[in-house]
Amino acid sequence: MLCWYYLFGEYLMSSMKLTLALVAATLLAGCVSTSKVTTQPEQLQHHRFVLESVNGNNVSPAKPLELSFGEKMHISGNMCNRFTGEGKLSDGELKVKNLAMTRMLCTDAQLNQLDALVGAMLHDGVQVDLTENQLTLATSHDSLVYKLADLVN
């Protein structure tokens, strides 16, 4: 009799654990949203960001490499050259069709490459993700990570 209780009791306990695990998984699945949350223009406007890394590599230039958002998604910033334009943010993608940029050649080759990269990203379209104080601009090939650096808090 003791042997039967031991075997049957073990079966009940493992069955209960499995049932509890399935119930917990079902409840947690109900908490996950399948809708895509995207960054909205209002979250970016009136903020200034400073570049921290490019494709996972930290950058430490002599002057801060900035990106700022103003009214109606007016974008301005700098790498080697300064750039400005009116952006459009739709479904998490930022495009700046008429990006104006100064055309100086810099002695720092990395800054020249970053000028070309940010220009292409903004013109062709880039995915935007704002999480807490970190702004990420990403394409299938490249990623720029900025940190919030407003001049006035």
Protein backbone atom coordinates (compact mmCIF):
# COMPACT_ATOMS: atom_id res chain seq x y z
CA MET A 1 0.00 0.00 0.00
CA LEU A 2 2.83 2.38 0.85
CA CYS A 3 4.45 1.70 -2.53
CA TRP A 4 1.16 2.52 -4.34
CA TYR A 5 0.80 5.78 -2.40
CA TYR A 6 4.39 6.73 -3.17
CA LEU A 7 4.01 6.09 -6.95
CA PHE A 8 0.55 7.65 -7.20
CA GLY A 9 1.57 10.63 -5.02
CA GLU A 10 4.62 11.29 -7.20
CA TYR A 11 2.40 11.17 -10.29
CA LEU A 12 -0.07 13.63 -8.77
CA MET A 13 2.71 16.02 -7.73
CA SER A 14 4.35 16.02 -11.17
CA SER A 15 0.95 16.40 -12.81
CA MET A 16 0.13 19.37 -10.55
CA LYS A 17 3.48 20.99 -11.33
CA LEU A 18 2.87 20.60 -15.05
CA THR A 19 -0.65 22.03 -14.73
CA LEU A 20 0.62 25.00 -12.70
CA ALA A 21 3.36 25.63 -15.25
CA LEU A 22 0.82 25.60 -18.10
CA VAL A 23 -1.53 27.94 -16.22
CA ALA A 24 1.32 30.35 -15.47
CA ALA A 25 2.49 30.30 -19.10
CA THR A 26 -1.05 31.00 -20.30
CA LEU A 27 -1.45 33.92 -17.90
CA LEU A 28 1.90 35.40 -18.88
CA ALA A 29 1.11 35.04 -22.57
CA GLY A 30 -1.99 37.14 -22.00
CA CYS A 31 0.21 39.98 -20.73
CA VAL A 32 2.34 40.16 -23.89
CA SER A 33 1.12 42.62 -26.46
CA THR A 34 1.50 41.73 -30.10
CA SER A 35 1.16 45.36 -31.21
CA LYS A 36 4.33 47.14 -32.25
CA VAL A 37 5.13 50.08 -29.99
CA THR A 38 6.88 52.85 -31.90
CA THR A 39 8.51 56.10 -30.92
CA GLN A 40 6.27 59.12 -31.47
CA PRO A 41 7.41 62.59 -32.64
CA GLU A 42 6.34 64.14 -29.33
CA GLN A 43 8.86 61.95 -27.50
CA LEU A 44 11.75 63.36 -29.55
CA GLN A 45 10.78 67.02 -29.94
CA HIS A 46 12.74 69.54 -27.89
CA HIS A 47 15.46 67.04 -27.01
CA ARG A 48 19.17 66.92 -27.72
CA PHE A 49 21.15 63.68 -27.99
CA VAL A 50 24.91 63.01 -28.11
CA LEU A 51 26.37 60.10 -30.07
CA GLU A 52 27.87 57.35 -27.89
CA SER A 53 28.51 54.46 -30.27
CA VAL A 54 28.48 53.43 -33.92
CA ASN A 55 27.85 49.76 -34.70
CA GLY A 56 28.69 48.85 -31.11
CA ASN A 57 31.99 50.79 -31.04
CA ASN A 58 32.27 53.72 -28.63
CA VAL A 59 33.07 57.11 -30.10
CA SER A 60 34.98 59.83 -28.29
CA PRO A 61 35.46 62.82 -30.61
CA ALA A 62 36.96 66.15 -29.62
CA LYS A 63 33.51 67.79 -29.77
CA PRO A 64 30.12 66.18 -29.04
CA LEU A 65 28.36 64.70 -32.07
CA GLU A 66 24.81 65.91 -31.62
CA LEU A 67 21.31 65.28 -32.93
CA SER A 68 18.46 67.60 -31.91
CA PHE A 69 14.73 67.54 -32.60
CA GLY A 70 12.62 70.67 -32.72
CA GLU A 71 9.06 71.65 -33.65
CA LYS A 72 7.44 69.69 -36.49
CA MET A 73 10.33 67.21 -36.45
CA HIS A 74 12.93 69.81 -37.45
CA ILE A 75 16.22 67.93 -37.14
CA SER A 76 19.67 69.42 -36.73
CA GLY A 77 23.02 68.00 -35.77
CA ASN A 78 26.65 67.52 -36.57
CA MET A 79 29.27 64.95 -37.32
CA CYS A 80 32.16 66.63 -39.12
CA ASN A 81 29.63 68.83 -40.91
CA ARG A 82 26.40 70.36 -39.64
CA PHE A 83 23.10 69.11 -41.04
CA THR A 84 19.47 70.16 -40.84
CA GLY A 85 16.12 69.26 -42.32
CA GLU A 86 12.45 68.52 -41.76
CA GLY A 87 11.91 64.91 -40.79
CA LYS A 88 8.88 62.69 -40.90
CA LEU A 89 8.42 59.90 -38.35
CA SER A 90 5.97 57.21 -39.40
CA ASP A 91 5.60 53.69 -37.94
CA GLY A 92 8.95 54.04 -36.18
CA GLU A 93 10.82 55.09 -39.33
CA LEU A 94 12.43 58.52 -39.64
CA LYS A 95 13.06 60.06 -43.06
CA VAL A 96 14.51 63.46 -43.89
CA LYS A 97 14.07 63.89 -47.64
CA ASN A 98 15.61 67.38 -48.00
CA LEU A 99 18.59 67.11 -45.68
CA ALA A 100 20.92 70.09 -45.99
CA MET A 101 24.55 69.57 -44.96
CA THR A 102 27.68 71.68 -45.05
CA ARG A 103 30.42 70.17 -47.24
CA MET A 104 33.73 70.55 -45.43
CA LEU A 105 36.37 67.86 -45.60
CA CYS A 106 37.57 66.96 -42.13
CA THR A 107 40.99 65.76 -41.12
CA ASP A 108 39.36 62.97 -39.09
CA ALA A 109 38.48 60.15 -41.52
CA GLN A 110 35.97 58.64 -39.07
CA LEU A 111 33.99 61.90 -38.97
CA ASN A 112 33.92 62.03 -42.78
CA GLN A 113 32.54 58.48 -42.82
CA LEU A 114 29.96 59.37 -40.15
CA ASP A 115 28.82 62.35 -42.27
CA ALA A 116 28.09 60.03 -45.17
CA LEU A 117 26.49 57.42 -42.90
CA VAL A 118 24.10 59.75 -41.06
CA GLY A 119 23.19 61.50 -44.33
CA ALA A 120 22.28 58.23 -46.01
CA MET A 121 20.43 56.90 -42.96
CA LEU A 122 18.27 60.00 -42.59
CA HIS A 123 17.59 60.33 -46.31
CA ASP A 124 16.77 56.64 -46.98
CA GLY A 125 14.95 56.03 -43.71
CA VAL A 126 16.06 54.74 -40.34
CA GLN A 127 14.29 52.89 -37.54
CA VAL A 128 14.06 54.98 -34.37
CA ASP A 129 13.88 53.56 -30.86
CA LEU A 130 13.79 55.76 -27.77
CA THR A 131 14.17 53.75 -24.57
CA GLU A 132 14.53 55.81 -21.40
CA ASN A 133 17.51 58.11 -22.15
CA GLN A 134 18.88 56.18 -25.12
CA LEU A 135 18.04 56.89 -28.75
CA THR A 136 18.94 54.28 -31.35
CA LEU A 137 18.91 54.90 -35.09
CA ALA A 138 19.25 51.63 -36.97
CA THR A 139 19.18 50.16 -40.45
CA SER A 140 19.80 46.56 -41.42
CA HIS A 141 23.54 47.34 -41.60
CA ASP A 142 24.27 50.16 -39.17
CA SER A 143 23.34 51.40 -35.72
CA LEU A 144 23.93 54.77 -34.05
CA VAL A 145 23.29 54.98 -30.30
CA TYR A 146 22.77 58.40 -28.73
CA LYS A 147 22.34 59.45 -25.10
CA LEU A 148 19.90 62.15 -24.00
CA ALA A 149 21.88 65.32 -23.26
CA ASP A 150 19.41 68.17 -23.00
CA LEU A 151 21.01 71.53 -22.28
CA VAL A 152 18.26 72.42 -19.80
CA ASN A 153 16.60 69.90 -17.47
